[in-house]
Protein backbone atom coordinates (compact mmCIF):
# COMPACT_ATOMS: atom_id res chain seq x y z
CA MET A 1 -54.99 -35.12 118.87
CA ILE A 2 -57.01 -32.61 120.90
CA PHE A 3 -60.30 -31.28 119.52
CA GLY A 4 -59.79 -27.88 117.95
CA ARG A 5 -56.02 -28.44 117.52
CA SER A 6 -54.05 -30.35 114.95
CA GLU A 7 -50.86 -32.34 114.80
CA ARG A 8 -48.03 -30.79 112.81
CA GLY A 9 -48.66 -31.06 109.08
CA LYS A 10 -52.36 -31.87 109.44
CA PRO A 11 -55.27 -29.48 108.89
CA PRO A 12 -56.96 -28.12 112.03
CA VAL A 13 -59.98 -29.96 113.35
CA GLY A 14 -63.08 -27.89 114.09
CA PRO A 15 -64.81 -27.97 117.45
CA VAL A 16 -67.51 -30.47 118.30
CA THR A 17 -70.96 -28.87 117.90
CA LEU A 18 -73.94 -30.04 119.92
CA LYS A 19 -77.62 -29.16 119.70
CA ILE A 20 -79.50 -28.32 122.91
CA LEU A 21 -83.21 -27.55 123.17
CA VAL A 22 -84.65 -25.01 125.59
CA ALA A 23 -88.26 -25.88 126.35
CA GLY A 24 -90.97 -25.11 128.88
CA GLY A 25 -94.28 -23.35 129.27
CA PHE A 26 -95.43 -20.01 127.90
CA GLY A 27 -93.62 -17.04 129.47
CA VAL A 28 -91.18 -19.12 131.51
CA GLY A 29 -88.05 -17.35 130.19
CA LYS A 30 -86.81 -19.42 127.24
CA THR A 31 -86.12 -16.42 124.99
CA THR A 32 -84.43 -14.62 127.88
CA LEU A 33 -82.21 -17.63 128.61
CA VAL A 34 -81.02 -17.98 125.02
CA GLY A 35 -80.38 -14.25 124.75
CA ALA A 36 -78.49 -14.10 128.05
CA VAL A 37 -75.91 -16.69 127.09
CA SER A 38 -75.60 -16.47 123.28
CA GLU A 39 -72.31 -15.11 121.97
CA ILE A 40 -74.01 -14.12 118.72
CA ARG A 41 -77.04 -11.93 118.30
CA PRO A 42 -79.83 -14.46 118.90
CA LEU A 43 -82.38 -15.19 116.22
CA ARG A 44 -85.86 -14.60 117.57
CA THR A 45 -89.26 -15.24 116.03
CA GLU A 46 -91.43 -13.26 118.40
CA GLU A 47 -94.77 -11.79 117.49
CA VAL A 48 -97.08 -9.52 119.43
CA LEU A 49 -99.94 -11.23 121.25
CA THR A 50 -103.29 -10.28 119.74
CA GLU A 51 -106.86 -10.20 120.93
CA ALA A 52 -107.63 -13.00 118.47
CA GLY A 53 -105.21 -15.27 120.32
CA ARG A 54 -106.58 -14.67 123.81
CA PRO A 55 -109.08 -17.56 123.73
CA VAL A 56 -106.26 -20.07 123.05
CA ASP A 57 -103.29 -18.45 124.84
CA ASP A 58 -103.24 -18.97 128.60
CA THR A 59 -101.64 -15.79 129.97
CA ARG A 60 -102.51 -16.38 133.63
CA GLY A 61 -99.49 -15.47 135.73
CA VAL A 62 -97.79 -13.69 132.82
CA GLU A 63 -100.31 -10.93 132.18
CA GLY A 64 -97.50 -8.45 131.47
CA LYS A 65 -96.16 -10.51 128.56
CA HIS A 66 -96.98 -8.96 125.18
CA THR A 67 -95.00 -11.14 122.73
CA THR A 68 -94.61 -14.84 122.08
CA THR A 69 -92.19 -17.10 120.19
CA VAL A 70 -93.95 -18.55 117.15
CA ALA A 71 -91.17 -20.73 115.70
CA MET A 72 -87.93 -20.81 117.69
CA ASP A 73 -85.13 -18.88 119.31
CA PHE A 74 -81.58 -19.63 118.21
CA GLY A 75 -78.26 -18.86 119.84
CA ARG A 76 -74.73 -20.20 120.15
CA ILE A 77 -72.25 -20.49 123.00
CA THR A 78 -68.68 -21.82 123.08
CA LEU A 79 -68.17 -23.71 126.33
CA ARG A 80 -64.58 -24.61 125.49
CA GLU A 81 -62.46 -24.09 122.38
CA ASP A 82 -63.39 -27.62 121.34
CA LEU A 83 -67.09 -27.55 122.28
CA VAL A 84 -69.83 -25.33 120.85
CA LEU A 85 -73.51 -25.53 121.76
CA TYR A 86 -76.30 -24.49 119.40
CA LEU A 87 -79.37 -23.52 121.40
CA PHE A 88 -82.88 -23.89 120.01
CA GLY A 89 -85.68 -22.39 122.10
CA THR A 90 -89.03 -24.04 121.45
CA PRO A 91 -92.38 -22.20 121.30
CA GLY A 92 -94.27 -22.59 124.56
CA GLN A 93 -97.87 -22.46 123.37
CA ASP A 94 -99.86 -25.58 122.54
CA ARG A 95 -100.72 -24.41 119.03
CA PHE A 96 -97.04 -24.33 118.00
CA TRP A 97 -96.04 -27.74 119.35
CA PHE A 98 -96.10 -29.27 115.87
CA LEU A 99 -92.68 -27.62 115.44
CA TRP A 100 -91.10 -29.55 118.30
CA ASP A 101 -90.39 -32.77 116.39
CA GLU A 102 -88.32 -30.94 113.79
CA LEU A 103 -86.48 -28.90 116.39
CA ALA A 104 -85.73 -32.03 118.45
CA THR A 105 -84.10 -33.90 115.55
CA GLY A 106 -80.44 -34.47 116.38
CA ALA A 107 -80.64 -32.86 119.83
CA LEU A 108 -78.14 -34.09 122.43
CA GLY A 109 -80.36 -33.00 125.29
CA ALA A 110 -82.67 -30.32 126.62
CA VAL A 111 -83.30 -27.77 129.33
CA VAL A 112 -86.89 -27.76 130.59
CA LEU A 113 -87.28 -24.33 132.14
CA ALA A 114 -89.74 -24.21 135.04
CA ASP A 115 -91.52 -21.48 136.98
CA THR A 116 -92.54 -22.78 140.42
CA ARG A 117 -95.58 -20.46 140.39
CA ARG A 118 -96.88 -22.36 137.32
CA LEU A 119 -95.07 -25.67 137.64
CA GLU A 120 -97.77 -27.58 135.77
CA ASP A 121 -96.84 -25.70 132.58
CA CYS A 122 -93.65 -27.72 132.17
CA PHE A 123 -95.34 -31.15 132.41
CA PRO A 124 -95.88 -31.39 128.62
CA ALA A 125 -92.17 -30.76 127.95
CA VAL A 126 -91.11 -33.31 130.57
CA ASP A 127 -93.47 -35.89 129.02
CA TYR A 128 -92.21 -35.09 125.52
CA PHE A 129 -88.55 -35.73 126.34
CA GLU A 130 -89.27 -38.77 128.49
CA ARG A 131 -91.26 -40.42 125.68
CA ARG A 132 -88.45 -39.82 123.21
CA SER A 133 -85.62 -40.75 125.60
CA ILE A 134 -83.99 -37.35 125.15
CA PRO A 135 -81.94 -36.50 128.27
CA PHE A 136 -83.10 -33.31 129.97
CA VAL A 137 -82.36 -31.10 132.94
CA ILE A 138 -84.92 -29.06 134.85
CA GLY A 139 -83.82 -25.43 135.14
CA VAL A 140 -85.90 -23.71 137.83
CA ASN A 141 -86.01 -20.06 136.78
CA CYS A 142 -85.97 -18.07 140.04
CA PHE A 143 -88.21 -15.11 139.29
CA ASP A 144 -88.06 -12.01 141.47
CA GLY A 145 -90.66 -12.22 144.23
CA ALA A 146 -91.32 -15.94 143.74
CA VAL A 147 -90.91 -18.37 146.65
CA ARG A 148 -87.73 -20.41 146.18
CA HIS A 149 -88.33 -24.12 146.67
CA PRO A 150 -85.50 -26.64 147.21
CA ALA A 151 -84.51 -28.65 144.15
CA GLU A 152 -85.69 -31.88 145.79
CA ALA A 153 -89.15 -30.41 146.38
CA VAL A 154 -89.38 -29.53 142.67
CA ARG A 155 -88.24 -33.07 141.75
CA GLN A 156 -91.00 -34.59 143.85
CA ALA A 157 -93.65 -32.21 142.51
CA LEU A 158 -92.71 -33.15 138.93
CA ASP A 159 -92.37 -36.88 139.78
CA LEU A 160 -88.93 -37.02 138.17
CA ASP A 161 -86.55 -39.97 138.12
CA ASP A 162 -83.71 -39.65 140.62
CA ASP A 163 -81.10 -39.20 137.88
CA VAL A 164 -82.74 -36.12 136.30
CA PRO A 165 -80.80 -33.03 137.46
CA VAL A 166 -82.75 -30.10 138.91
CA VAL A 167 -80.83 -26.81 138.87
CA LEU A 168 -81.90 -23.46 140.29
CA CYS A 169 -80.99 -20.64 137.92
CA ASP A 170 -81.60 -17.08 136.78
CA ALA A 171 -82.35 -17.03 133.04
CA ARG A 172 -81.13 -13.42 132.88
CA GLU A 173 -77.63 -14.20 134.11
CA ARG A 174 -75.04 -15.59 131.68
CA GLU A 175 -72.98 -17.51 134.26
CA SER A 176 -76.08 -19.05 135.81
CA VAL A 177 -77.29 -20.23 132.40
CA LYS A 178 -73.85 -21.62 131.54
CA GLU A 179 -73.99 -23.83 134.63
CA VAL A 180 -77.34 -25.23 133.49
CA LEU A 181 -75.97 -25.96 130.00
CA ILE A 182 -72.87 -27.65 131.40
CA GLU A 183 -75.17 -29.85 133.46
CA VAL A 184 -77.16 -30.77 130.32
CA VAL A 185 -73.98 -31.85 128.50
CA ARG A 186 -72.79 -33.82 131.55
CA HIS A 187 -76.16 -35.52 132.04
CA ALA A 188 -76.51 -36.36 128.35
CA GLY A 189 -73.04 -37.90 128.32
CA THR A 190 -73.91 -40.09 131.32
CA HIS A 191 -77.24 -41.04 129.73
CA THR A 192 -75.56 -42.02 126.44
CA ALA A 193 -72.87 -44.05 128.20
CA GLY A 194 -75.55 -45.89 130.18
CA ARG A 195 -77.48 -46.79 127.05
CA ARG A 196 -74.34 -48.10 125.36
CA ALA A 197 -73.48 -50.21 128.38
CA SER A 198 -77.03 -51.64 128.44
CA ALA A 199 -76.86 -52.44 124.71
CA ALA A 200 -73.54 -54.25 125.18
CA THR A 201 -74.87 -56.61 127.85
């Protein structure tokens, strides 16, 4: 039996569906990433930034941003006929982090999107997934005009374990995002196999 196909006389088996989170700081490109790769029209919960929110919303470095995700972004991509990913983009602002626990339930893994001009903004997401033992990949969103740092330099700056993948990407480009998502699935599979092996010994 192959996923998505059936033996003669048996009903077809649907594809395996996996949940992936897309996290990171405010304005790092999470909504853009989900929209770039989703094969359906993505669900977005963006609202316009207001004057009332300025005291609590840190817009340094993203002064041109006028909207923010207040609940989640949602998209879907079929990597193979037997494998479908559901993407859930988390809100980046501190005041919406209470939603993260619900969004993280049942997640296979996560992309932590990083902007090297504001690298400290992704520390909370890294800490969140490390504390909950959710496998994650760092996706370094290469913004136009930003200095491009080697992946190893980003790893050292974030004090990541050696097994955490760091991938340079462009959140606007579908193929670039697909490579990041494939790396998340691969890393999560390795992480799960390692935990099972440890439990068996």
